Amino acid sequence: MRCLDCRVNGQDRPAVGICTNCGAAVCEQCVRIGRQETSHVTGFSSADLSLTETRQLACPECAAALSAQHSHEYRFKPIGAS
């Protein structure tokens, strides 16, 4: 499988993952690795909430949109960024 964004830009790079939002294949240069806070009920009522962070892979376009529209839930970085 090949990276969709690179292919559109005339490059040919192997994909290392799939964007969890749009389903596009992404290469090591394009993939954004993020964390999403997910809340879930841990007891018998909605007052018993717990937050868990889950890993999300995204293409640059989806990472930018999710970060802009849901900055309190999503945080994305390129591979190797601190």
C-alpha atoms as a PDB file:
ATOM      1  CA  MET A   1       0.000   0.000   0.000  1.00  0.00           C
ATOM      2  CA  ARG A   2       1.226   3.517  -0.823  1.00  0.00           C
ATOM      3  CA  CYS A   3       0.729   6.882   0.928  1.00  0.00           C
ATOM      4  CA  LEU A   4      -2.236   8.725  -0.588  1.00  0.00           C
ATOM      5  CA  ASP A   5      -0.993  12.285   0.067  1.00  0.00           C
ATOM      6  CA  CYS A   6       2.442  11.526  -1.385  1.00  0.00           C
ATOM      7  CA  ARG A   7       0.885   9.831  -4.410  1.00  0.00           C
ATOM      8  CA  VAL A   8      -1.270  12.916  -5.089  1.00  0.00           C
ATOM      9  CA  ASN A   9       1.901  15.049  -4.890  1.00  0.00           C
ATOM     10  CA  GLY A  10       3.794  12.854  -7.385  1.00  0.00           C
ATOM     11  CA  GLN A  11       5.830  10.901  -4.829  1.00  0.00           C
ATOM     12  CA  ASP A  12       5.820   7.191  -4.116  1.00  0.00           C
ATOM     13  CA  ARG A  13       6.255   6.171  -0.470  1.00  0.00           C
ATOM     14  CA  PRO A  14       5.136   3.009   1.320  1.00  0.00           C
ATOM     15  CA  ALA A  15       2.360   3.421   3.886  1.00  0.00           C
ATOM     16  CA  VAL A  16       3.033   2.689   7.559  1.00  0.00           C
ATOM     17  CA  GLY A  17      -0.536   3.159   8.769  1.00  0.00           C
ATOM     18  CA  ILE A  18      -4.094   4.216   8.071  1.00  0.00           C
ATOM     19  CA  CYS A  19      -5.715   7.497   9.157  1.00  0.00           C
ATOM     20  CA  THR A  20      -8.279   6.560  11.795  1.00  0.00           C
ATOM     21  CA  ASN A  21     -10.508   9.420  10.648  1.00  0.00           C
ATOM     22  CA  CYS A  22     -10.663   9.256   6.822  1.00  0.00           C
ATOM     23  CA  GLY A  23      -9.052   5.868   6.110  1.00  0.00           C
ATOM     24  CA  ALA A  24      -6.246   7.179   3.865  1.00  0.00           C
ATOM     25  CA  ALA A  25      -2.930   5.321   3.844  1.00  0.00           C
ATOM     26  CA  VAL A  26      -0.101   7.421   5.325  1.00  0.00           C
ATOM     27  CA  CYS A  27       3.695   7.119   5.108  1.00  0.00           C
ATOM     28  CA  GLU A  28       6.245   7.762   7.855  1.00  0.00           C
ATOM     29  CA  GLN A  29       6.691  11.393   6.724  1.00  0.00           C
ATOM     30  CA  CYS A  30       2.954  12.171   6.598  1.00  0.00           C
ATOM     31  CA  VAL A  31       1.561  10.236   9.569  1.00  0.00           C
ATOM     32  CA  ARG A  32       0.617  12.200  12.663  1.00  0.00           C
ATOM     33  CA  ILE A  33       0.461  10.238  15.885  1.00  0.00           C
ATOM     34  CA  GLY A  34      -1.958  11.625  18.396  1.00  0.00           C
ATOM     35  CA  ARG A  35      -3.715  10.985  21.631  1.00  0.00           C
ATOM     36  CA  GLN A  36      -7.453  11.252  22.144  1.00  0.00           C
ATOM     37  CA  GLU A  37      -9.030  11.527  25.557  1.00  0.00           C
ATOM     38  CA  THR A  38     -11.942   9.122  25.855  1.00  0.00           C
ATOM     39  CA  SER A  39     -14.328   9.163  28.801  1.00  0.00           C
ATOM     40  CA  HIS A  40     -16.235   6.126  29.984  1.00  0.00           C
ATOM     41  CA  VAL A  41     -18.436   5.207  32.911  1.00  0.00           C
ATOM     42  CA  THR A  42     -16.594   3.170  35.531  1.00  0.00           C
ATOM     43  CA  GLY A  43     -19.430   2.642  38.013  1.00  0.00           C
ATOM     44  CA  PHE A  44     -23.173   2.634  38.094  1.00  0.00           C
ATOM     45  CA  SER A  45     -23.856   6.264  37.130  1.00  0.00           C
ATOM     46  CA  SER A  46     -22.580   8.904  34.758  1.00  0.00           C
ATOM     47  CA  ALA A  47     -20.957  10.568  37.778  1.00  0.00           C
ATOM     48  CA  ASP A  48     -18.419   7.723  37.812  1.00  0.00           C
ATOM     49  CA  LEU A  49     -16.397   8.818  34.771  1.00  0.00           C
ATOM     50  CA  SER A  50     -12.826   7.908  33.954  1.00  0.00           C
ATOM     51  CA  LEU A  51     -10.606   9.370  31.230  1.00  0.00           C
ATOM     52  CA  THR A  52      -8.381   7.179  29.095  1.00  0.00           C
ATOM     53  CA  GLU A  53      -5.989   8.274  26.371  1.00  0.00           C
ATOM     54  CA  THR A  54      -6.003   6.258  23.166  1.00  0.00           C
ATOM     55  CA  ARG A  55      -3.548   6.424  20.265  1.00  0.00           C
ATOM     56  CA  GLN A  56      -4.807   7.847  16.980  1.00  0.00           C
ATOM     57  CA  LEU A  57      -3.064   7.869  13.592  1.00  0.00           C
ATOM     58  CA  ALA A  58      -4.018  10.655  11.201  1.00  0.00           C
ATOM     59  CA  CYS A  59      -3.105  12.109   7.844  1.00  0.00           C
ATOM     60  CA  PRO A  60      -1.894  15.746   8.000  1.00  0.00           C
ATOM     61  CA  GLU A  61      -5.261  17.091   6.816  1.00  0.00           C
ATOM     62  CA  CYS A  62      -7.347  15.235   9.406  1.00  0.00           C
ATOM     63  CA  ALA A  63      -4.831  15.961  12.187  1.00  0.00           C
ATOM     64  CA  ALA A  64      -5.038  19.692  11.460  1.00  0.00           C
ATOM     65  CA  ALA A  65      -8.842  19.679  11.327  1.00  0.00           C
ATOM     66  CA  LEU A  66      -9.280  17.622  14.498  1.00  0.00           C
ATOM     67  CA  SER A  67      -6.720  19.700  16.396  1.00  0.00           C
ATOM     68  CA  ALA A  68      -8.408  22.945  15.339  1.00  0.00           C
ATOM     69  CA  GLN A  69     -11.992  21.863  16.001  1.00  0.00           C
ATOM     70  CA  HIS A  70     -11.457  19.601  19.037  1.00  0.00           C
ATOM     71  CA  SER A  71      -8.237  20.866  20.635  1.00  0.00           C
ATOM     72  CA  HIS A  72      -9.375  19.737  24.093  1.00  0.00           C
ATOM     73  CA  GLU A  73      -9.671  16.124  22.871  1.00  0.00           C
ATOM     74  CA  TYR A  74      -6.976  15.613  20.209  1.00  0.00           C
ATOM     75  CA  ARG A  75      -3.227  16.284  20.157  1.00  0.00           C
ATOM     76  CA  PHE A  76      -1.163  15.234  17.110  1.00  0.00           C
ATOM     77  CA  LYS A  77       2.582  15.285  16.350  1.00  0.00           C
ATOM     78  CA  PRO A  78       4.723  14.081  13.456  1.00  0.00           C
ATOM     79  CA  ILE A  79       6.945  11.071  14.193  1.00  0.00           C
ATOM     80  CA  GLY A  80      10.060  12.177  16.036  1.00  0.00           C
ATOM     81  CA  ALA A  81       8.586  15.461  17.313  1.00  0.00           C
ATOM     82  CA  SER A  82       8.800  16.014  21.043  1.00  0.00           C
END
